[in-house]
Amino acid sequence: MDWFYLPMVKMHALLGWCSVGLFVVRGLAHQFGAAWVMDERLRTIVFSSHVLIVVSGLSLWVALLHDPRTEPWMVAKFIALAVYFATGHWALGRSEFRVIEYLVALMALGYVVAVSVTRDVLLGL
């Protein structure tokens, strides 16, 4: 199991941080009117990174026998990911930039990272 777990966790974390970086940079560039933000090649890279994050996350979930019914932090993470995907799409999906959706997506993304690290729905509060 060690031959699978450590590389998969590292890949999942690296892809997650790349996704965070891409989202922050794209959002700031979109706000200032950069045309490259809507380039299909970049959007394909972002979509591909999201697919790889989901595949690696589901692989870890199955390999480690996590059960969302007994681990509420996973349910919270899935809900926050859905909020991030929806609000991130609304913020950057069209030609106009939506600040509120962008900020909500950033908060959801921050919550996903925090829940992943602490494995606590309330983040230790």
Protein backbone atom coordinates (compact mmCIF):
# COMPACT_ATOMS: atom_id res chain seq x y z
CA MET A 1 0.00 0.00 0.00
CA ASP A 2 2.90 2.39 0.68
CA TRP A 3 4.00 2.22 -2.96
CA PHE A 4 0.60 3.64 -3.93
CA TYR A 5 -0.33 5.91 -1.05
CA LEU A 6 2.59 8.33 -0.82
CA PRO A 7 2.90 9.15 -4.54
CA MET A 8 -0.88 9.51 -4.84
CA VAL A 9 -1.10 11.84 -1.82
CA LYS A 10 1.76 13.95 -3.15
CA MET A 11 0.20 14.13 -6.61
CA HIS A 12 -3.19 15.02 -5.13
CA ALA A 13 -1.68 17.80 -3.00
CA LEU A 14 0.46 19.15 -5.85
CA LEU A 15 -2.49 19.24 -8.23
CA GLY A 16 -4.57 20.92 -5.53
CA TRP A 17 -2.02 23.68 -5.02
CA CYS A 18 -1.65 24.12 -8.79
CA SER A 19 -5.41 24.45 -9.07
CA VAL A 20 -5.48 27.06 -6.29
CA GLY A 21 -2.69 29.02 -7.95
CA LEU A 22 -4.32 28.89 -11.37
CA PHE A 23 -7.67 30.01 -9.97
CA VAL A 24 -6.19 32.95 -8.05
CA VAL A 25 -4.07 34.12 -11.00
CA ARG A 26 -6.89 33.68 -13.52
CA GLY A 27 -9.32 35.53 -11.27
CA LEU A 28 -6.99 38.48 -10.74
CA ALA A 29 -6.10 38.62 -14.43
CA HIS A 30 -9.79 38.43 -15.39
CA GLN A 31 -10.57 41.30 -13.06
CA PHE A 32 -7.98 43.46 -14.82
CA GLY A 33 -9.24 42.51 -18.28
CA ALA A 34 -6.59 40.06 -19.53
CA ALA A 35 -7.78 38.26 -22.65
CA TRP A 36 -5.68 35.11 -22.09
CA VAL A 37 -7.88 34.08 -19.16
CA MET A 38 -10.56 32.73 -21.52
CA ASP A 39 -8.09 30.94 -23.83
CA GLU A 40 -9.28 27.41 -24.57
CA ARG A 41 -5.84 25.90 -23.99
CA LEU A 42 -5.67 27.32 -20.47
CA ARG A 43 -9.24 26.26 -19.73
CA THR A 44 -8.35 22.74 -20.91
CA ILE A 45 -5.37 22.67 -18.53
CA VAL A 46 -7.59 23.81 -15.64
CA PHE A 47 -10.27 21.24 -16.46
CA SER A 48 -7.67 18.48 -16.80
CA SER A 49 -6.14 19.35 -13.43
CA HIS A 50 -9.59 19.19 -11.83
CA VAL A 51 -10.23 15.78 -13.38
CA LEU A 52 -6.88 14.47 -12.12
CA ILE A 53 -7.58 15.85 -8.63
CA VAL A 54 -10.93 14.06 -8.56
CA VAL A 55 -9.44 10.79 -9.85
CA SER A 56 -6.57 10.86 -7.35
CA GLY A 57 -8.93 11.83 -4.52
CA LEU A 58 -11.36 9.03 -5.33
CA SER A 59 -8.45 6.58 -5.62
CA LEU A 60 -7.24 7.56 -2.16
CA TRP A 61 -10.78 7.37 -0.83
CA VAL A 62 -11.20 3.80 -2.07
CA ALA A 63 -7.68 2.67 -1.13
CA LEU A 64 -7.95 3.99 2.42
CA LEU A 65 -11.51 2.72 2.88
CA HIS A 66 -12.88 6.10 3.95
CA ASP A 67 -16.59 6.15 4.67
CA PRO A 68 -18.37 9.52 4.41
CA ARG A 69 -21.09 8.24 6.73
CA THR A 70 -18.59 8.00 9.58
CA GLU A 71 -16.25 10.83 8.55
CA PRO A 72 -18.19 14.10 8.34
CA TRP A 73 -15.13 16.04 7.19
CA MET A 74 -15.33 14.24 3.83
CA VAL A 75 -18.96 15.23 3.35
CA ALA A 76 -18.09 18.83 4.21
CA LYS A 77 -15.20 18.71 1.75
CA PHE A 78 -17.43 17.38 -1.06
CA ILE A 79 -20.04 20.07 -0.41
CA ALA A 80 -17.39 22.80 -0.34
CA LEU A 81 -15.90 21.43 -3.58
CA ALA A 82 -19.31 21.61 -5.24
CA VAL A 83 -19.68 25.22 -4.05
CA TYR A 84 -16.17 26.00 -5.35
CA PHE A 85 -16.83 24.45 -8.77
CA ALA A 86 -20.18 26.22 -9.18
CA THR A 87 -19.10 29.66 -7.98
CA GLY A 88 -15.74 29.42 -9.77
CA HIS A 89 -17.57 28.66 -13.00
CA TRP A 90 -19.97 31.56 -12.44
CA ALA A 91 -17.10 33.91 -11.64
CA LEU A 92 -14.86 33.06 -14.59
CA GLY A 93 -17.10 31.14 -16.97
CA ARG A 94 -18.31 34.08 -19.02
CA SER A 95 -16.76 37.21 -20.38
CA GLU A 96 -17.78 39.39 -17.42
CA PHE A 97 -16.06 39.01 -14.07
CA ARG A 98 -18.20 38.50 -10.98
CA VAL A 99 -16.45 39.57 -7.80
CA ILE A 100 -18.91 38.07 -5.28
CA GLU A 101 -18.80 34.63 -6.90
CA TYR A 102 -15.00 34.81 -7.10
CA LEU A 103 -14.72 35.63 -3.39
CA VAL A 104 -17.18 32.87 -2.44
CA ALA A 105 -15.17 30.41 -4.56
CA LEU A 106 -11.95 31.48 -2.82
CA MET A 107 -13.58 31.01 0.60
CA ALA A 108 -14.88 27.57 -0.41
CA LEU A 109 -11.44 26.64 -1.71
CA GLY A 110 -9.81 27.79 1.52
CA TYR A 111 -12.32 25.74 3.49
CA VAL A 112 -11.55 22.65 1.36
CA VAL A 113 -7.83 23.01 2.06
CA ALA A 114 -8.40 23.62 5.78
CA VAL A 115 -10.76 20.65 6.15
CA SER A 116 -8.29 18.44 4.26
CA VAL A 117 -5.50 19.38 6.65
CA THR A 118 -7.42 19.35 9.94
CA ARG A 119 -9.98 16.66 9.06
CA ASP A 120 -12.42 18.61 11.20
CA VAL A 121 -15.63 20.17 9.87
CA LEU A 122 -15.39 23.08 12.32
CA LEU A 123 -11.64 23.52 11.72
CA GLY A 124 -10.82 23.07 15.38
CA LEU A 125 -13.04 25.91 16.57
